[in-house]
Amino acid sequence: AKNFAAGGLTTARAIPTGVDLDFFSWQAPADGSPVVVFTGSMDWEANVDGIRFYVEEVWPRVRAQVPNAQLRVVGKNPPAALVQRNVPGVSFTGFVDDVRDHARDAQAFVIPLRVGGGTRIKAFEAMAMGLPVVSTTIGIEGLDVDHGTHFLCADGADELALATLKLLGDGTLRLKLA
């Protein structure tokens, strides 16, 4: 709306993105196994880049501290080259009928996007379900949320690993961000 107004179109209004709170219903974050989840179509280059980066640069740091941690990548059409690497603790679901079934038991929801545009529906869905979110600046761009209150912001591999580890190890923080 700001861009339109700058061009003289003063009647333009921004309509915020939302999610169905009955469908993506809140529940307290999981206290069980150390599960990290990402959801998103894996034929979108921004998601592929983000997950490749997370699996190659971040995940080894997480697993070094929490050897039984599991990363679940939920989304259609994951690249065969990424799936076939068989990285310890990483699984790709491919297409699923309902992402909620694959996300509910997670202790952390990651959005490691480094490029891209569009709306950040996955962040709102995760937050609506009570999943604590770790995101890059780009992954949460355009949303009216605050680091430390609504999510943890982390941009580099070390920062993303530390933020993920914080959520895996701190049930109080998970609940605060939920």
N, C-alpha and C. Protein backbone atom coordinates (compact mmCIF):
# COMPACT_ATOMS: atom_id res chain seq x y z
N ALA A 1 0.82 -1.19 0.00
CA ALA A 1 0.00 0.00 0.00
C ALA A 1 0.87 1.25 0.00
N LYS A 2 2.02 1.20 0.70
CA LYS A 2 2.91 2.36 0.74
C LYS A 2 3.44 2.69 -0.65
N ASN A 3 3.79 1.66 -1.40
CA ASN A 3 4.29 1.89 -2.76
C ASN A 3 3.23 2.49 -3.66
N PHE A 4 2.00 2.01 -3.53
CA PHE A 4 0.91 2.57 -4.32
C PHE A 4 0.66 4.02 -3.93
N ALA A 5 0.67 4.30 -2.63
CA ALA A 5 0.44 5.67 -2.16
C ALA A 5 1.52 6.60 -2.66
N ALA A 6 2.77 6.12 -2.71
CA ALA A 6 3.86 6.94 -3.23
C ALA A 6 3.65 7.28 -4.69
N GLY A 7 2.94 6.42 -5.40
CA GLY A 7 2.63 6.65 -6.81
C GLY A 7 1.34 7.42 -7.02
N GLY A 8 0.72 7.87 -5.94
CA GLY A 8 -0.48 8.68 -6.06
C GLY A 8 -1.79 7.93 -5.88
N LEU A 9 -1.75 6.63 -5.68
CA LEU A 9 -2.98 5.85 -5.48
C LEU A 9 -3.27 5.77 -3.98
N THR A 10 -4.00 6.74 -3.48
CA THR A 10 -4.19 6.86 -2.04
C THR A 10 -5.28 5.96 -1.47
N THR A 11 -6.02 5.28 -2.31
CA THR A 11 -7.07 4.40 -1.79
C THR A 11 -6.60 2.96 -1.59
N ALA A 12 -5.36 2.67 -1.90
CA ALA A 12 -4.83 1.32 -1.72
C ALA A 12 -4.67 1.01 -0.23
N ARG A 13 -5.00 -0.19 0.16
CA ARG A 13 -4.86 -0.64 1.54
C ARG A 13 -4.21 -2.02 1.55
N ALA A 14 -3.41 -2.26 2.56
CA ALA A 14 -2.80 -3.57 2.74
C ALA A 14 -3.73 -4.44 3.57
N ILE A 15 -3.97 -5.64 3.12
CA ILE A 15 -4.79 -6.59 3.87
C ILE A 15 -3.83 -7.63 4.45
N PRO A 16 -3.74 -7.71 5.77
CA PRO A 16 -2.78 -8.64 6.37
C PRO A 16 -3.14 -10.09 6.08
N THR A 17 -2.10 -10.90 6.02
CA THR A 17 -2.26 -12.34 5.83
C THR A 17 -2.75 -12.95 7.14
N GLY A 18 -3.52 -13.99 7.01
CA GLY A 18 -3.99 -14.70 8.19
C GLY A 18 -4.09 -16.18 7.92
N VAL A 19 -4.35 -16.93 8.97
CA VAL A 19 -4.56 -18.37 8.84
C VAL A 19 -5.80 -18.75 9.63
N ASP A 20 -6.36 -19.89 9.31
CA ASP A 20 -7.54 -20.41 9.98
C ASP A 20 -7.13 -20.96 11.35
N LEU A 21 -7.47 -20.23 12.40
CA LEU A 21 -7.06 -20.62 13.75
C LEU A 21 -7.79 -21.85 14.28
N ASP A 22 -8.90 -22.19 13.67
CA ASP A 22 -9.56 -23.44 14.05
C ASP A 22 -8.82 -24.63 13.44
N PHE A 23 -8.37 -24.47 12.20
CA PHE A 23 -7.64 -25.54 11.51
C PHE A 23 -6.24 -25.69 12.10
N PHE A 24 -5.52 -24.58 12.23
CA PHE A 24 -4.17 -24.58 12.80
C PHE A 24 -4.28 -24.23 14.28
N SER A 25 -4.92 -25.09 15.04
CA SER A 25 -5.21 -24.80 16.44
C SER A 25 -3.96 -24.91 17.31
N TRP A 26 -3.92 -24.06 18.33
CA TRP A 26 -2.78 -23.98 19.23
C TRP A 26 -2.76 -25.17 20.18
N GLN A 27 -1.56 -25.63 20.46
CA GLN A 27 -1.34 -26.56 21.56
C GLN A 27 0.05 -26.28 22.10
N ALA A 28 0.27 -26.61 23.35
CA ALA A 28 1.57 -26.37 23.96
C ALA A 28 2.65 -27.11 23.19
N PRO A 29 3.84 -26.50 23.08
CA PRO A 29 4.94 -27.15 22.35
C PRO A 29 5.32 -28.49 22.97
N ALA A 30 5.83 -29.37 22.14
CA ALA A 30 6.20 -30.72 22.56
C ALA A 30 7.37 -30.70 23.53
N ASP A 31 7.37 -31.67 24.44
CA ASP A 31 8.47 -31.86 25.38
C ASP A 31 9.19 -33.18 25.14
N GLY A 32 8.81 -33.90 24.10
CA GLY A 32 9.35 -35.23 23.85
C GLY A 32 10.69 -35.21 23.14
N SER A 33 10.78 -35.98 22.10
CA SER A 33 12.01 -36.13 21.33
C SER A 33 12.40 -34.81 20.66
N PRO A 34 13.69 -34.59 20.46
CA PRO A 34 14.15 -33.36 19.82
C PRO A 34 13.89 -33.37 18.31
N VAL A 35 12.72 -32.87 17.94
CA VAL A 35 12.30 -32.84 16.54
C VAL A 35 12.25 -31.40 16.06
N VAL A 36 12.86 -31.16 14.91
CA VAL A 36 12.83 -29.86 14.24
C VAL A 36 12.09 -30.08 12.93
N VAL A 37 11.22 -29.14 12.56
CA VAL A 37 10.44 -29.32 11.34
C VAL A 37 10.51 -28.08 10.46
N PHE A 38 10.45 -28.33 9.17
CA PHE A 38 10.30 -27.29 8.15
C PHE A 38 9.17 -27.74 7.24
N THR A 39 8.29 -26.83 6.88
CA THR A 39 7.26 -27.15 5.90
C THR A 39 7.34 -26.18 4.74
N GLY A 40 7.14 -26.71 3.56
CA GLY A 40 7.14 -25.86 2.37
C GLY A 40 7.38 -26.68 1.13
N SER A 41 6.84 -26.21 0.05
CA SER A 41 7.00 -26.89 -1.23
C SER A 41 8.48 -26.94 -1.59
N MET A 42 8.97 -28.14 -1.83
CA MET A 42 10.40 -28.31 -2.10
C MET A 42 10.73 -28.22 -3.58
N ASP A 43 9.81 -27.69 -4.36
CA ASP A 43 10.16 -27.36 -5.75
C ASP A 43 10.23 -25.85 -5.94
N TRP A 44 10.22 -25.10 -4.84
CA TRP A 44 10.43 -23.66 -4.88
C TRP A 44 11.88 -23.41 -4.49
N GLU A 45 12.63 -22.75 -5.35
CA GLU A 45 14.08 -22.61 -5.17
C GLU A 45 14.47 -21.99 -3.83
N ALA A 46 13.70 -21.04 -3.33
CA ALA A 46 14.03 -20.43 -2.04
C ALA A 46 14.00 -21.47 -0.92
N ASN A 47 13.02 -22.37 -0.94
CA ASN A 47 12.95 -23.44 0.06
C ASN A 47 14.10 -24.43 -0.11
N VAL A 48 14.39 -24.79 -1.35
CA VAL A 48 15.49 -25.73 -1.62
C VAL A 48 16.80 -25.14 -1.12
N ASP A 49 17.06 -23.88 -1.46
CA ASP A 49 18.29 -23.22 -1.01
C ASP A 49 18.37 -23.18 0.51
N GLY A 50 17.27 -22.80 1.15
CA GLY A 50 17.26 -22.70 2.61
C GLY A 50 17.49 -24.03 3.29
N ILE A 51 16.84 -25.07 2.81
CA ILE A 51 17.01 -26.40 3.42
C ILE A 51 18.38 -26.97 3.11
N ARG A 52 18.86 -26.77 1.91
CA ARG A 52 20.22 -27.23 1.59
C ARG A 52 21.22 -26.58 2.55
N PHE A 53 21.11 -25.27 2.73
CA PHE A 53 21.97 -24.54 3.66
C PHE A 53 21.83 -25.09 5.08
N TYR A 54 20.60 -25.29 5.52
CA TYR A 54 20.37 -25.77 6.89
C TYR A 54 20.94 -27.17 7.08
N VAL A 55 20.70 -28.05 6.12
CA VAL A 55 21.19 -29.43 6.22
C VAL A 55 22.72 -29.48 6.18
N GLU A 56 23.32 -28.69 5.31
CA GLU A 56 24.78 -28.74 5.14
C GLU A 56 25.55 -27.96 6.20
N GLU A 57 25.06 -26.79 6.57
CA GLU A 57 25.82 -25.89 7.43
C GLU A 57 25.34 -25.83 8.88
N VAL A 58 24.05 -25.98 9.09
CA VAL A 58 23.49 -25.82 10.43
C VAL A 58 23.30 -27.16 11.13
N TRP A 59 22.72 -28.11 10.43
CA TRP A 59 22.36 -29.39 11.04
C TRP A 59 23.53 -30.12 11.68
N PRO A 60 24.72 -30.17 11.07
CA PRO A 60 25.84 -30.83 11.74
C PRO A 60 26.17 -30.21 13.11
N ARG A 61 26.00 -28.91 13.24
CA ARG A 61 26.25 -28.24 14.52
C ARG A 61 25.19 -28.65 15.55
N VAL A 62 23.95 -28.77 15.10
CA VAL A 62 22.87 -29.19 16.00
C VAL A 62 23.11 -30.63 16.45
N ARG A 63 23.38 -31.51 15.50
CA ARG A 63 23.58 -32.93 15.83
C ARG A 63 24.82 -33.17 16.69
N ALA A 64 25.81 -32.31 16.59
CA ALA A 64 27.00 -32.45 17.43
C ALA A 64 26.64 -32.28 18.91
N GLN A 65 25.64 -31.47 19.19
CA GLN A 65 25.20 -31.22 20.56
C GLN A 65 24.03 -32.12 20.99
N VAL A 66 23.17 -32.46 20.03
CA VAL A 66 21.99 -33.29 20.31
C VAL A 66 21.98 -34.42 19.27
N PRO A 67 22.74 -35.49 19.51
CA PRO A 67 22.92 -36.54 18.50
C PRO A 67 21.63 -37.24 18.06
N ASN A 68 20.60 -37.22 18.88
CA ASN A 68 19.35 -37.88 18.50
C ASN A 68 18.33 -36.91 17.90
N ALA A 69 18.74 -35.69 17.61
CA ALA A 69 17.82 -34.71 17.01
C ALA A 69 17.40 -35.18 15.61
N GLN A 70 16.16 -34.88 15.27
CA GLN A 70 15.59 -35.25 13.97
C GLN A 70 15.10 -33.99 13.27
N LEU A 71 15.45 -33.85 12.00
CA LEU A 71 14.95 -32.77 11.15
C LEU A 71 13.99 -33.38 10.16
N ARG A 72 12.76 -32.91 10.18
CA ARG A 72 11.71 -33.41 9.29
C ARG A 72 11.39 -32.31 8.28
N VAL A 73 11.67 -32.57 7.01
CA VAL A 73 11.37 -31.63 5.93
C VAL A 73 10.07 -32.10 5.27
N VAL A 74 9.02 -31.31 5.45
CA VAL A 74 7.68 -31.67 5.00
C VAL A 74 7.32 -30.81 3.80
N GLY A 75 7.20 -31.44 2.65
CA GLY A 75 6.81 -30.69 1.46
C GLY A 75 7.01 -31.50 0.19
N LYS A 76 6.18 -31.21 -0.78
CA LYS A 76 6.19 -31.97 -2.03
C LYS A 76 7.46 -31.70 -2.84
N ASN A 77 7.82 -32.70 -3.62
CA ASN A 77 8.89 -32.63 -4.61
C ASN A 77 10.27 -32.25 -4.07
N PRO A 78 10.73 -32.91 -3.01
CA PRO A 78 12.10 -32.62 -2.58
C PRO A 78 13.08 -33.10 -3.65
N PRO A 79 14.13 -32.34 -3.90
CA PRO A 79 15.11 -32.74 -4.92
C PRO A 79 15.76 -34.08 -4.57
N ALA A 80 15.82 -34.97 -5.54
CA ALA A 80 16.40 -36.30 -5.31
C ALA A 80 17.83 -36.20 -4.79
N ALA A 81 18.59 -35.26 -5.30
CA ALA A 81 19.99 -35.13 -4.88
C ALA A 81 20.09 -34.82 -3.39
N LEU A 82 19.15 -34.07 -2.87
CA LEU A 82 19.15 -33.74 -1.45
C LEU A 82 18.68 -34.93 -0.61
N VAL A 83 17.65 -35.60 -1.04
CA VAL A 83 17.11 -36.75 -0.33
C VAL A 83 18.13 -37.89 -0.30
N GLN A 84 18.77 -38.14 -1.42
CA GLN A 84 19.69 -39.27 -1.55
C GLN A 84 20.99 -39.10 -0.77
N ARG A 85 21.22 -37.92 -0.24
CA ARG A 85 22.42 -37.72 0.58
C ARG A 85 22.34 -38.50 1.89
N ASN A 86 21.12 -38.86 2.31
CA ASN A 86 20.92 -39.63 3.53
C ASN A 86 21.67 -39.05 4.72
N VAL A 87 21.46 -37.77 4.98
CA VAL A 87 22.10 -37.10 6.10
C VAL A 87 21.50 -37.64 7.40
N PRO A 88 22.34 -38.03 8.35
CA PRO A 88 21.83 -38.58 9.61
C PRO A 88 20.85 -37.63 10.30
N GLY A 89 19.71 -38.19 10.66
CA GLY A 89 18.71 -37.42 11.38
C GLY A 89 17.81 -36.56 10.52
N VAL A 90 17.96 -36.62 9.20
CA VAL A 90 17.15 -35.79 8.30
C VAL A 90 16.22 -36.70 7.50
N SER A 91 14.93 -36.36 7.48
CA SER A 91 13.98 -37.10 6.66
C SER A 91 13.15 -36.13 5.82
N PHE A 92 12.77 -36.59 4.65
CA PHE A 92 11.94 -35.83 3.72
C PHE A 92 10.64 -36.60 3.53
N THR A 93 9.51 -35.95 3.77
CA THR A 93 8.24 -36.65 3.66
C THR A 93 7.71 -36.68 2.24
N GLY A 94 8.08 -35.71 1.41
CA GLY A 94 7.39 -35.54 0.14
C GLY A 94 6.02 -34.97 0.43
N PHE A 95 5.10 -35.12 -0.53
CA PHE A 95 3.75 -34.59 -0.37
C PHE A 95 3.04 -35.26 0.80
N VAL A 96 2.35 -34.46 1.60
CA VAL A 96 1.50 -34.99 2.67
C VAL A 96 0.13 -34.32 2.57
N ASP A 97 -0.89 -35.03 3.01
CA ASP A 97 -2.24 -34.47 2.99
C ASP A 97 -2.42 -33.35 4.01
N ASP A 98 -1.73 -33.46 5.15
CA ASP A 98 -1.93 -32.51 6.23
C ASP A 98 -0.61 -32.28 6.96
N VAL A 99 -0.04 -31.08 6.83
CA VAL A 99 1.24 -30.79 7.47
C VAL A 99 1.16 -30.85 8.99
N ARG A 100 -0.01 -30.62 9.53
CA ARG A 100 -0.16 -30.62 10.99
C ARG A 100 0.25 -31.96 11.59
N ASP A 101 -0.06 -33.05 10.90
CA ASP A 101 0.28 -34.38 11.39
C ASP A 101 1.78 -34.59 11.51
N HIS A 102 2.55 -33.83 10.77
CA HIS A 102 4.00 -33.99 10.74
C HIS A 102 4.73 -32.91 11.53
N ALA A 103 3.98 -31.94 12.05
CA ALA A 103 4.60 -30.82 12.75
C ALA A 103 4.27 -30.78 14.24
N ARG A 104 3.17 -31.35 14.64
CA ARG A 104 2.68 -31.21 16.01
C ARG A 104 3.68 -31.61 17.09
N ASP A 105 4.52 -32.61 16.84
CA ASP A 105 5.44 -33.08 17.87
C ASP A 105 6.79 -32.37 17.84
N ALA A 106 6.91 -31.33 17.03
CA ALA A 106 8.20 -30.63 16.91
C ALA A 106 8.45 -29.71 18.09
N GLN A 107 9.72 -29.60 18.45
CA GLN A 107 10.14 -28.65 19.47
C GLN A 107 10.60 -27.34 18.85
N ALA A 108 10.83 -27.36 17.55
CA ALA A 108 11.24 -26.14 16.85
C ALA A 108 10.78 -26.21 15.40
N PHE A 109 10.38 -25.07 14.88
CA PHE A 109 9.99 -24.92 13.48
C PHE A 109 10.99 -23.97 12.86
N VAL A 110 11.71 -24.41 11.83
CA VAL A 110 12.75 -23.57 11.24
C VAL A 110 12.33 -23.01 9.89
N ILE A 111 12.73 -21.77 9.66
CA ILE A 111 12.51 -21.11 8.37
C ILE A 111 13.86 -20.52 7.96
N PRO A 112 14.71 -21.33 7.33
CA PRO A 112 16.08 -20.89 7.02
C PRO A 112 16.22 -20.21 5.66
N LEU A 113 15.21 -19.46 5.25
CA LEU A 113 15.25 -18.84 3.92
C LEU A 113 16.33 -17.77 3.84
N ARG A 114 17.03 -17.77 2.71
CA ARG A 114 18.06 -16.77 2.47
C ARG A 114 17.71 -15.89 1.28
N VAL A 115 16.77 -16.33 0.47
CA VAL A 115 16.29 -15.58 -0.70
C VAL A 115 14.79 -15.77 -0.78
N GLY A 116 14.14 -14.93 -1.57
CA GLY A 116 12.73 -15.18 -1.83
C GLY A 116 11.84 -13.99 -1.55
N GLY A 117 10.60 -14.19 -1.88
CA GLY A 117 9.59 -13.18 -1.66
C GLY A 117 8.27 -13.86 -1.38
N GLY A 118 7.22 -13.12 -1.44
CA GLY A 118 5.90 -13.69 -1.19
C GLY A 118 5.52 -13.59 0.27
N THR A 119 4.38 -14.15 0.59
CA THR A 119 3.91 -14.11 1.97
C THR A 119 4.52 -15.25 2.76
N ARG A 120 4.60 -15.07 4.04
CA ARG A 120 5.24 -16.04 4.92
C ARG A 120 4.19 -16.84 5.70
N ILE A 121 3.33 -17.50 4.94
CA ILE A 121 2.24 -18.27 5.54
C ILE A 121 2.76 -19.31 6.51
N LYS A 122 3.87 -19.98 6.18
CA LYS A 122 4.39 -21.06 7.04
C LYS A 122 4.68 -20.55 8.44
N ALA A 123 5.14 -19.30 8.57
CA ALA A 123 5.42 -18.75 9.90
C ALA A 123 4.13 -18.59 10.70
N PHE A 124 3.10 -18.04 10.07
CA PHE A 124 1.82 -17.87 10.76
C PHE A 124 1.19 -19.22 11.12
N GLU A 125 1.29 -20.19 10.23
CA GLU A 125 0.74 -21.52 10.53
C GLU A 125 1.45 -22.13 11.74
N ALA A 126 2.77 -22.05 11.75
CA ALA A 126 3.54 -22.60 12.86
C ALA A 126 3.19 -21.91 14.17
N MET A 127 3.15 -20.59 14.13
CA MET A 127 2.83 -19.83 15.35
C MET A 127 1.41 -20.13 15.83
N ALA A 128 0.48 -20.26 14.91
CA ALA A 128 -0.90 -20.57 15.28
C ALA A 128 -0.99 -21.92 15.99
N MET A 129 -0.13 -22.87 15.59
CA MET A 129 -0.13 -24.21 16.20
C MET A 129 0.67 -24.26 17.50
N GLY A 130 1.31 -23.16 17.88
CA GLY A 130 2.10 -23.16 19.10
C GLY A 130 3.50 -23.70 18.91
N LEU A 131 3.96 -23.74 17.66
CA LEU A 131 5.32 -24.22 17.39
C LEU A 131 6.30 -23.06 17.50
N PRO A 132 7.32 -23.17 18.35
CA PRO A 132 8.30 -22.11 18.45
C PRO A 132 9.12 -22.01 17.16
N VAL A 133 9.29 -20.81 16.67
CA VAL A 133 9.89 -20.57 15.35
C VAL A 133 11.29 -19.99 15.47
N VAL A 134 12.21 -20.55 14.68
CA VAL A 134 13.52 -19.96 14.43
C VAL A 134 13.53 -19.59 12.96
N SER A 135 13.80 -18.33 12.66
CA SER A 135 13.77 -17.89 11.27
C SER A 135 14.90 -16.92 10.97
N THR A 136 15.30 -16.93 9.71
CA THR A 136 16.18 -15.88 9.23
C THR A 136 15.35 -14.60 9.08
N THR A 137 16.04 -13.49 8.91
CA THR A 137 15.36 -12.22 8.68
C THR A 137 14.48 -12.31 7.44
N ILE A 138 14.99 -12.92 6.39
CA ILE A 138 14.21 -13.05 5.15
C ILE A 138 13.01 -13.97 5.35
N GLY A 139 13.17 -15.01 6.13
CA GLY A 139 12.09 -15.96 6.34
C GLY A 139 10.88 -15.39 7.06
N ILE A 140 11.06 -14.29 7.76
CA ILE A 140 9.98 -13.69 8.54
C ILE A 140 9.66 -12.28 8.04
N GLU A 141 10.34 -11.90 6.95
CA GLU A 141 10.21 -10.56 6.38
C GLU A 141 8.76 -10.17 6.12
N GLY A 142 8.42 -8.96 6.52
CA GLY A 142 7.10 -8.43 6.27
C GLY A 142 6.06 -8.77 7.32
N LEU A 143 6.42 -9.60 8.29
CA LEU A 143 5.47 -9.97 9.34
C LEU A 143 5.67 -9.07 10.55
N ASP A 144 4.59 -8.72 11.20
CA ASP A 144 4.63 -7.85 12.37
C ASP A 144 4.87 -8.69 13.62
N VAL A 145 6.09 -9.21 13.73
CA VAL A 145 6.49 -10.05 14.85
C VAL A 145 7.85 -9.59 15.35
N ASP A 146 8.13 -9.88 16.62
CA ASP A 146 9.36 -9.41 17.25
C ASP A 146 10.24 -10.57 17.71
N HIS A 147 11.55 -10.42 17.43
CA HIS A 147 12.55 -11.38 17.90
C HIS A 147 12.50 -11.45 19.43
N GLY A 148 12.51 -12.66 19.95
CA GLY A 148 12.52 -12.85 21.39
C GLY A 148 11.15 -12.87 22.02
N THR A 149 10.16 -12.34 21.31
CA THR A 149 8.78 -12.35 21.80
C THR A 149 7.95 -13.37 21.04
N HIS A 150 8.06 -13.33 19.71
CA HIS A 150 7.26 -14.21 18.86
C HIS A 150 8.08 -15.31 18.19
N PHE A 151 9.37 -15.10 18.03
CA PHE A 151 10.24 -16.05 17.34
C PHE A 151 11.69 -15.71 17.69
N LEU A 152 12.61 -16.58 17.29
CA LEU A 152 14.04 -16.30 17.40
C LEU A 152 14.57 -16.01 16.01
N CYS A 153 15.24 -14.88 15.86
CA CYS A 153 15.82 -14.49 14.58
C CYS A 153 17.29 -14.88 14.55
N ALA A 154 17.69 -15.56 13.50
CA ALA A 154 19.07 -16.01 13.36
C ALA A 154 19.40 -16.10 11.87
N ASP A 155 20.51 -15.48 11.46
CA ASP A 155 20.80 -15.44 10.04
C ASP A 155 21.96 -16.31 9.58
N GLY A 156 23.00 -16.45 10.33
CA GLY A 156 24.12 -17.28 9.91
C GLY A 156 24.00 -18.70 10.43
N ALA A 157 24.88 -19.57 9.96
CA ALA A 157 24.83 -20.98 10.37
C ALA A 157 25.01 -21.13 11.87
N ASP A 158 25.98 -20.42 12.45
CA ASP A 158 26.19 -20.51 13.89
C ASP A 158 24.97 -20.02 14.66
N GLU A 159 24.42 -18.87 14.23
CA GLU A 159 23.24 -18.31 14.92
C GLU A 159 22.04 -19.25 14.81
N LEU A 160 21.81 -19.80 13.62
CA LEU A 160 20.69 -20.72 13.44
C LEU A 160 20.86 -21.97 14.30
N ALA A 161 22.07 -22.49 14.36
CA ALA A 161 22.32 -23.67 15.20
C ALA A 161 22.08 -23.35 16.67
N LEU A 162 22.61 -22.22 17.13
CA LEU A 162 22.43 -21.85 18.54
C LEU A 162 20.96 -21.64 18.88
N ALA A 163 20.23 -20.97 18.01
CA ALA A 163 18.80 -20.74 18.26
C ALA A 163 18.03 -22.05 18.27
N THR A 164 18.35 -22.94 17.34
CA THR A 164 17.69 -24.25 17.31
C THR A 164 18.00 -25.02 18.58
N LEU A 165 19.26 -25.01 18.99
CA LEU A 165 19.66 -25.71 20.22
C LEU A 165 18.98 -25.12 21.45
N LYS A 166 18.82 -23.80 21.48
CA LYS A 166 18.11 -23.17 22.60
C LYS A 166 16.70 -23.74 22.72
N LEU A 167 16.01 -23.84 21.59
CA LEU A 167 14.64 -24.35 21.64
C LEU A 167 14.60 -25.83 22.01
N LEU A 168 15.54 -26.60 21.50
CA LEU A 168 15.56 -28.03 21.83
C LEU A 168 15.83 -28.26 23.32
N GLY A 169 16.57 -27.35 23.93
CA GLY A 169 16.97 -27.55 25.32
C GLY A 169 16.19 -26.77 26.37
N ASP A 170 15.26 -25.94 25.96
CA ASP A 170 14.61 -25.04 26.92
C ASP A 170 13.09 -25.03 26.74
N GLY A 171 12.42 -25.86 27.51
CA GLY A 171 10.96 -25.95 27.44
C GLY A 171 10.27 -24.65 27.82
N THR A 172 10.86 -23.89 28.74
CA THR A 172 10.28 -22.61 29.13
C THR A 172 10.31 -21.62 27.97
N LEU A 173 11.42 -21.59 27.24
CA LEU A 173 11.52 -20.71 26.07
C LEU A 173 10.55 -21.15 24.98
N ARG A 174 10.44 -22.47 24.78
CA ARG A 174 9.48 -22.96 23.78
C ARG A 174 8.07 -22.47 24.10
N LEU A 175 7.69 -22.56 25.35
CA LEU A 175 6.35 -22.14 25.75
C LEU A 175 6.18 -20.63 25.61
N LYS A 176 7.21 -19.88 25.95
CA LYS A 176 7.15 -18.41 25.82
C LYS A 176 6.91 -18.01 24.37
N LEU A 177 7.60 -18.66 23.44
CA LEU A 177 7.48 -18.30 22.03
C LEU A 177 6.23 -18.89 21.38
N ALA A 178 5.62 -19.87 22.04
CA ALA A 178 4.42 -20.50 21.48
C ALA A 178 3.25 -19.55 21.58
